[in-house]
Amino acid sequence: MPPITLHPQYIVDAANQKHSVILPLAEFEALMEDLGDLAAVAERREEPAISHDQLLAELKKDGLL
């Protein structure tokens, strides 16, 4: 998946200091999806890894492939 290209617009105060950002909804949703993916990876980082072949065998055994 290619990286997200952002097109932010900023809300600034009288001194031109940035205080808020506006993103197109599709870009915001893509960022939130990526954040959810990262959270899932972080939650599962302690789980043991299995090989691709082992995963396929388990899926076939469970009738999912």
Protein backbone atom coordinates (compact mmCIF):
# COMPACT_ATOMS: atom_id res chain seq x y z
CA MET A 1 0.00 0.00 0.00
CA PRO A 2 1.49 3.38 -0.97
CA PRO A 3 2.04 5.97 1.74
CA ILE A 4 -0.78 8.43 2.36
CA THR A 5 -0.31 11.83 0.77
CA LEU A 6 -1.74 14.46 3.09
CA HIS A 7 -3.17 17.82 2.13
CA PRO A 8 -3.53 19.61 5.48
CA GLN A 9 -4.99 23.04 5.99
CA TYR A 10 -4.19 24.85 9.22
CA ILE A 11 -6.20 27.10 11.49
CA VAL A 12 -3.92 29.82 12.82
CA ASP A 13 -4.29 32.57 15.38
CA ALA A 14 -3.62 36.29 14.92
CA ALA A 15 0.13 35.64 15.40
CA ASN A 16 0.02 33.00 12.63
CA GLN A 17 0.63 30.17 15.12
CA LYS A 18 -0.91 26.85 14.07
CA HIS A 19 -3.58 25.57 16.47
CA SER A 20 -5.63 23.06 14.47
CA VAL A 21 -5.49 21.10 11.28
CA ILE A 22 -8.14 20.22 8.72
CA LEU A 23 -7.73 17.13 6.54
CA PRO A 24 -9.95 15.83 3.77
CA LEU A 25 -12.16 13.09 5.23
CA ALA A 26 -10.64 10.31 3.08
CA GLU A 27 -7.13 11.19 4.32
CA PHE A 28 -8.31 11.27 7.95
CA GLU A 29 -10.03 7.88 7.55
CA ALA A 30 -6.88 6.40 5.98
CA LEU A 31 -4.80 7.68 8.90
CA MET A 32 -7.26 6.21 11.41
CA GLU A 33 -7.15 2.85 9.62
CA ASP A 34 -3.34 2.87 9.73
CA LEU A 35 -3.46 3.76 13.43
CA GLY A 36 -5.78 0.83 14.08
CA ASP A 37 -3.44 -1.49 12.18
CA LEU A 38 -0.48 -0.29 14.23
CA ALA A 39 -2.42 -0.82 17.46
CA ALA A 40 -3.23 -4.40 16.42
CA VAL A 41 0.44 -5.07 15.65
CA ALA A 42 1.50 -3.62 19.01
CA GLU A 43 -1.06 -5.73 20.89
CA ARG A 44 0.15 -8.92 19.20
CA ARG A 45 3.90 -8.30 19.30
CA GLU A 46 4.45 -10.89 22.05
CA GLU A 47 2.64 -13.65 20.17
CA PRO A 48 4.86 -16.33 18.69
CA ALA A 49 5.37 -16.20 14.94
CA ILE A 50 4.54 -19.12 12.65
CA SER A 51 5.75 -19.85 9.15
CA HIS A 52 3.63 -19.17 6.09
CA ASP A 53 3.49 -22.91 5.37
CA GLN A 54 2.29 -23.62 8.90
CA LEU A 55 -0.41 -20.93 8.57
CA LEU A 56 -1.63 -22.44 5.30
CA ALA A 57 -1.72 -25.92 6.84
CA GLU A 58 -3.77 -24.67 9.80
CA LEU A 59 -6.21 -22.82 7.55
CA LYS A 60 -6.66 -25.90 5.37
CA LYS A 61 -7.14 -28.10 8.47
CA ASP A 62 -9.84 -25.69 9.73
CA GLY A 63 -11.55 -25.69 6.32
CA LEU A 64 -10.85 -22.02 5.70
CA LEU A 65 -8.83 -22.70 2.55
